């Protein structure tokens, strides 16, 4: 038995009048009567007692009414849920991100997204950019927030606002007294940097940045993630660049200073396996765009 026939039965049961019920249903009265007869044949018993002046539910019809209403309501809910899933408002979003990304817009974007779309389950995974690329390409993630350029041709990329870099210094370092540190003052300073394997583009750009200032950095240790690098700076191992987002996290023994000339910015992007991003992913990126535009 189909949902439309159940709906017809419910309206007749409410009106107890075939003409009025037909008007509500936008059907002709003969078409409505035919639907009810077919339904009664399927059920195996009359659902209405009717003559020229009188329509009433039979005991079987009265017993049938409650379950019929539940079935129609359930079908309406199922349709609504299917449409919400089609539009990305129900389901699952597997989101990967780098540590650096999580110190930017990402936490607020997640809070807004979860409040706006509570029926989307967000599964989070933190890893570096090369591992994120592999997970996206392998279908283990729906969306990643990472650092381009990417080396995986199958991935689509949508640029996000770049992250500015600032210099992390031990609080007792002589350069910590400056409002702005000149890049030339970093010549000979023990430098911490992320390994080239996790970010070859930014690594090469940073090395070129120093060389354009007339010297090569004295790299004493490679460190990743950037939060670990900041911890090593606080321990006095050296100095190093972190994003402005990382710099907002309070850590004893550290100060952060802008550098002049300004160092390269760290690019940030959203990526997914092409050609199409899931609807939930699109909704998440809409939230990110809203927050980035504020």
Protein backbone atom coordinates (compact mmCIF):
# COMPACT_ATOMS: atom_id res chain seq x y z
CA UNK A 1 0.00 0.00 0.00
CA UNK A 2 1.33 3.40 -0.95
CA UNK A 3 1.66 6.48 1.26
CA UNK A 4 -0.68 8.54 -0.93
CA UNK A 5 -3.50 6.04 -0.36
CA UNK A 6 -2.86 6.12 3.40
CA UNK A 7 -2.99 9.92 3.28
CA UNK A 8 -6.33 9.71 1.44
CA UNK A 9 -7.67 7.37 4.10
CA UNK A 10 -6.59 9.74 6.91
CA UNK A 11 -8.26 12.78 5.30
CA UNK A 12 -11.53 10.86 4.73
CA UNK A 13 -11.38 9.67 8.35
CA UNK A 14 -10.98 13.28 9.51
CA UNK A 15 -13.71 14.72 7.29
CA UNK A 16 -16.10 11.74 7.26
CA UNK A 17 -17.24 13.24 3.98
CA UNK A 18 -15.89 12.15 0.58
CA UNK A 19 -16.56 15.42 -1.27
CA UNK A 20 -14.80 17.58 1.32
CA UNK A 21 -11.95 15.08 1.57
CA UNK A 22 -11.55 15.10 -2.23
CA UNK A 23 -11.35 18.90 -2.20
CA UNK A 24 -8.63 18.84 0.47
CA UNK A 25 -6.68 16.27 -1.50
CA UNK A 26 -7.17 18.01 -4.84
CA UNK A 27 -8.73 14.85 -6.27
CA UNK A 28 -12.02 14.09 -7.95
CA UNK A 29 -14.49 12.28 -5.73
CA UNK A 30 -14.55 9.16 -7.96
CA UNK A 31 -10.73 8.99 -7.91
CA UNK A 32 -10.73 9.25 -4.12
CA UNK A 33 -13.41 6.56 -3.78
CA UNK A 34 -11.38 4.29 -6.06
CA UNK A 35 -8.24 4.77 -3.91
CA UNK A 36 -10.17 3.89 -0.74
CA UNK A 37 -11.65 0.76 -2.38
CA UNK A 38 -8.19 -0.41 -3.49
CA UNK A 39 -6.83 0.24 0.01
CA UNK A 40 -9.68 -1.72 1.60
CA UNK A 41 -8.95 -4.59 -0.78
CA UNK A 42 -5.29 -4.54 0.28
CA UNK A 43 -6.18 -4.44 3.98
CA UNK A 44 -8.79 -7.17 3.50
CA UNK A 45 -11.71 -5.48 5.24
CA UNK A 46 -13.90 -2.36 4.86
CA UNK A 47 -12.48 0.71 6.60
CA UNK A 48 -15.61 2.87 6.25
CA UNK A 49 -19.33 2.38 6.59
CA UNK A 50 -20.91 4.64 3.98
CA UNK A 51 -24.20 5.36 2.30
CA UNK A 52 -25.63 8.46 0.58
CA UNK A 53 -25.92 10.42 3.84
CA UNK A 54 -23.42 8.85 6.20
CA UNK A 55 -19.70 8.02 6.40
CA UNK A 56 -18.18 6.43 9.51
CA UNK A 57 -15.12 4.42 10.41
CA UNK A 58 -15.58 0.71 10.89
CA UNK A 59 -13.87 -0.82 13.94
CA UNK A 60 -11.14 -1.96 11.55
CA UNK A 61 -10.86 1.58 10.16
CA UNK A 62 -10.58 3.06 13.66
CA UNK A 63 -7.81 0.57 14.48
CA UNK A 64 -6.09 1.35 11.17
CA UNK A 65 -6.07 5.13 11.64
CA UNK A 66 -3.30 5.47 14.23
CA UNK A 67 -0.77 3.27 12.41
CA UNK A 68 -1.68 4.97 9.13
CA UNK A 69 -0.90 8.38 10.62
CA UNK A 70 2.42 7.05 11.96
CA UNK A 71 3.30 5.60 8.56
CA UNK A 72 2.55 8.88 6.76
CA UNK A 73 4.49 10.89 9.35
CA UNK A 74 7.39 8.44 9.11
CA UNK A 75 7.42 8.70 5.32
CA UNK A 76 7.41 12.50 5.52
CA UNK A 77 10.28 12.41 7.99
CA UNK A 78 12.19 9.96 5.80
CA UNK A 79 11.75 12.23 2.78
CA UNK A 80 12.82 15.29 4.76
CA UNK A 81 15.90 13.48 6.09
CA UNK A 82 16.80 12.28 2.59
CA UNK A 83 16.58 15.84 1.27
CA UNK A 84 18.66 17.12 4.19
CA UNK A 85 21.27 14.48 3.42
CA UNK A 86 21.20 15.54 -0.23
CA UNK A 87 21.95 19.10 0.87
CA UNK A 88 24.67 17.99 3.30
CA UNK A 89 22.71 18.73 6.50
CA UNK A 90 22.73 15.10 7.69
CA UNK A 91 25.53 12.56 7.59
CA UNK A 92 29.26 12.55 8.22
CA UNK A 93 32.18 14.85 7.45
CA UNK A 94 35.67 13.40 7.80
CA UNK A 95 37.89 16.44 8.23
CA UNK A 96 41.68 16.40 8.36
CA UNK A 97 43.87 19.33 9.37
CA UNK A 98 47.40 20.32 10.27
CA UNK A 99 48.34 21.56 13.73
CA UNK A 100 48.95 25.01 12.29
CA UNK A 101 45.47 25.11 10.72
CA UNK A 102 43.89 24.32 14.07
CA UNK A 103 45.33 27.52 15.54
CA UNK A 104 43.58 29.64 12.93
CA UNK A 105 39.93 29.79 11.85
CA UNK A 106 39.32 26.07 12.20
CA UNK A 107 38.14 25.83 15.85
CA UNK A 108 35.60 28.63 15.45
CA UNK A 109 34.48 27.23 12.09
CA UNK A 110 33.88 23.84 13.73
CA UNK A 111 31.90 25.42 16.56
CA UNK A 112 29.67 27.35 14.14
CA UNK A 113 29.27 24.37 11.80
CA UNK A 114 28.26 21.99 14.59
CA UNK A 115 25.75 24.48 15.97
CA UNK A 116 24.27 25.09 12.52
CA UNK A 117 24.25 21.45 11.36
CA UNK A 118 23.94 19.29 14.49
CA UNK A 119 22.99 16.19 12.49
CA UNK A 120 26.33 16.09 10.68
CA UNK A 121 28.89 14.03 12.60
CA UNK A 122 32.35 15.59 12.22
CA UNK A 123 35.27 13.16 12.51
CA UNK A 124 38.59 14.96 13.03
CA UNK A 125 42.09 13.82 12.15
CA UNK A 126 45.31 15.80 12.71
CA UNK A 127 48.36 15.05 10.54
CA UNK A 128 50.95 16.83 8.43
CA UNK A 129 50.27 17.96 4.86
CA UNK A 130 51.85 15.00 3.00
CA UNK A 131 49.89 12.52 5.12
CA UNK A 132 46.72 14.55 4.58
CA UNK A 133 47.23 14.38 0.83
CA UNK A 134 47.57 10.60 1.00
CA UNK A 135 44.48 10.24 3.19
CA UNK A 136 42.41 12.43 0.87
CA UNK A 137 43.62 10.60 -2.23
CA UNK A 138 42.88 7.25 -0.56
CA UNK A 139 39.30 8.26 0.30
CA UNK A 140 39.90 8.15 4.06
CA UNK A 141 39.04 11.83 4.45
CA UNK A 142 36.40 14.01 2.79
CA UNK A 143 38.11 17.35 3.28
CA UNK A 144 41.53 18.52 4.43
CA UNK A 145 42.89 21.87 5.57
CA UNK A 146 46.58 21.86 4.70
CA UNK A 147 49.44 23.78 3.13
CA UNK A 148 49.88 23.99 -0.65
CA UNK A 149 51.34 23.49 -3.16
CA UNK A 150 50.14 19.89 -3.33
CA UNK A 151 51.77 17.02 -5.19
CA UNK A 152 48.67 14.86 -5.73
CA UNK A 153 46.97 15.59 -9.10
CA UNK A 154 43.65 14.01 -8.08
CA UNK A 155 43.03 16.64 -5.39
CA UNK A 156 41.01 19.81 -5.91
CA UNK A 157 42.27 22.85 -4.01
CA UNK A 158 40.48 25.95 -2.73
CA UNK A 159 42.79 28.67 -1.31
CA UNK A 160 42.19 29.94 2.22
CA UNK A 161 43.74 33.06 3.83
CA UNK A 162 47.51 32.74 4.24
CA UNK A 163 49.05 32.59 7.70
CA UNK A 164 51.53 35.34 8.65
CA UNK A 165 54.74 34.25 10.35
CA UNK A 166 56.25 35.88 13.44
CA UNK A 167 59.48 35.21 15.23
CA UNK A 168 59.39 33.17 18.46
CA UNK A 169 62.11 34.15 20.93
CA UNK A 170 63.01 33.13 24.47
CA UNK A 171 61.72 35.87 26.76
CA UNK A 172 65.25 36.55 28.01
CA UNK A 173 66.75 36.88 24.53
CA UNK A 174 68.29 40.33 23.77
CA UNK A 175 66.18 40.64 20.59
CA UNK A 176 63.02 40.25 22.69
CA UNK A 177 63.41 43.89 23.75
CA UNK A 178 62.82 45.07 20.17
CA UNK A 179 59.34 45.95 18.95
CA UNK A 180 60.28 44.67 15.50
CA UNK A 181 63.25 42.41 14.76
CA UNK A 182 65.32 43.11 11.66
CA UNK A 183 66.03 39.99 9.63
CA UNK A 184 69.70 40.91 9.48
CA UNK A 185 69.83 40.58 13.30
CA UNK A 186 69.15 36.85 12.91
CA UNK A 187 72.47 36.15 11.21
CA UNK A 188 74.35 33.68 13.38
CA UNK A 189 71.35 33.00 15.63
CA UNK A 190 70.62 29.28 16.22
CA UNK A 191 67.54 28.67 14.11
CA UNK A 192 64.78 26.09 14.39
CA UNK A 193 62.80 25.18 11.29
CA UNK A 194 60.29 22.56 10.16
CA UNK A 195 61.88 19.78 8.08
CA UNK A 196 61.65 20.07 4.33
CA UNK A 197 59.88 16.70 4.11
CA UNK A 198 56.69 18.12 5.67
CA UNK A 199 56.69 21.43 3.80
CA UNK A 200 59.20 21.67 0.94
CA UNK A 201 57.73 24.86 -0.53
CA UNK A 202 57.76 26.96 2.65
CA UNK A 203 61.16 25.51 3.62
CA UNK A 204 62.69 26.56 0.31
CA UNK A 205 61.05 29.98 0.47
CA UNK A 206 62.37 30.58 3.99
CA UNK A 207 65.92 29.62 2.98
CA UNK A 208 65.64 31.92 -0.05
CA UNK A 209 64.31 34.68 2.21
CA UNK A 210 67.40 34.54 4.42
CA UNK A 211 69.77 34.34 1.47
CA UNK A 212 68.12 37.40 -0.07
CA UNK A 213 69.08 39.17 3.15
CA UNK A 214 72.70 38.20 2.59
CA UNK A 215 73.18 35.13 4.80
CA UNK A 216 72.19 31.51 5.31
CA UNK A 217 70.34 30.55 8.52
CA UNK A 218 72.25 28.61 11.17
CA UNK A 219 69.80 25.70 11.49
CA UNK A 220 70.53 23.83 14.72
CA UNK A 221 67.45 21.61 14.75
CA UNK A 222 64.48 20.68 12.61
CA UNK A 223 61.22 20.42 14.55
CA UNK A 224 57.61 19.59 13.80
CA UNK A 225 54.84 20.31 14.54
CA UNK A 226 55.11 24.05 15.05
CA UNK A 227 53.88 23.77 18.64
CA UNK A 228 56.92 21.58 19.36
CA UNK A 229 59.14 24.17 17.69
CA UNK A 230 57.69 26.84 20.00
CA UNK A 231 58.37 24.63 23.01
CA UNK A 232 62.00 24.19 21.96
CA UNK A 233 62.35 27.97 21.60
CA UNK A 234 61.00 28.38 25.14
CA UNK A 235 63.62 25.85 26.28
CA UNK A 236 66.37 28.04 24.83
CA UNK A 237 67.37 25.76 21.94
CA UNK A 238 67.11 28.57 19.40
CA UNK A 239 64.71 30.94 17.67
CA UNK A 240 62.16 30.15 14.97
CA UNK A 241 59.16 31.29 13.03
CA UNK A 242 55.59 30.34 13.95
CA UNK A 243 52.22 31.47 12.64
CA UNK A 244 50.28 34.28 14.27
CA UNK A 245 47.73 31.66 15.32
CA UNK A 246 50.33 29.65 17.20
CA UNK A 247 51.56 32.90 18.77
CA UNK A 248 48.13 33.52 20.33
CA UNK A 249 48.57 30.44 22.54
CA UNK A 250 50.03 31.49 25.89
CA UNK A 251 53.33 29.74 26.66
CA UNK A 252 55.61 30.86 29.53
CA UNK A 253 59.10 31.94 28.54
CA UNK A 254 58.22 32.97 24.99
CA UNK A 255 57.74 36.27 23.18
CA UNK A 256 56.71 36.82 19.57
CA UNK A 257 57.90 39.65 17.37
CA UNK A 258 57.23 40.75 13.79
CA UNK A 259 60.23 40.69 11.47
CA UNK A 260 61.23 43.28 8.90
CA UNK A 261 61.40 42.66 5.97
CA UNK A 262 58.36 40.43 6.36
CA UNK A 263 59.05 36.71 5.87
CA UNK A 264 57.04 34.57 3.45
CA UNK A 265 53.50 33.76 4.51
CA UNK A 266 52.44 30.18 5.04
CA UNK A 267 49.77 29.24 2.47
CA UNK A 268 46.63 27.48 3.62
CA UNK A 269 44.03 25.69 1.52
CA UNK A 270 41.14 23.28 1.61
CA UNK A 271 41.56 20.15 -0.50
CA UNK A 272 39.45 17.15 -1.49
CA UNK A 273 39.57 14.32 -3.98
CA UNK A 274 37.99 15.56 -7.20
CA UNK A 275 35.92 16.24 -8.97
CA UNK A 276 33.18 17.06 -6.43
CA UNK A 277 33.29 17.90 -2.75
CA UNK A 278 30.59 16.41 -0.53
CA UNK A 279 27.67 18.69 0.30
CA UNK A 280 28.64 18.68 3.98
CA UNK A 281 32.13 19.74 2.97
CA UNK A 282 30.71 22.60 0.91
CA UNK A 283 28.64 23.75 3.88
CA UNK A 284 31.73 23.67 6.08
CA UNK A 285 33.70 25.77 3.61
CA UNK A 286 30.82 28.26 3.50
CA UNK A 287 31.22 28.69 7.26
CA UNK A 288 34.99 29.13 6.85
CA UNK A 289 34.42 31.78 4.16
CA UNK A 290 31.97 33.64 6.41
CA UNK A 291 34.46 33.76 9.28
CA UNK A 292 37.39 34.68 7.00
CA UNK A 293 35.37 37.59 5.63
CA UNK A 294 34.69 39.13 9.04
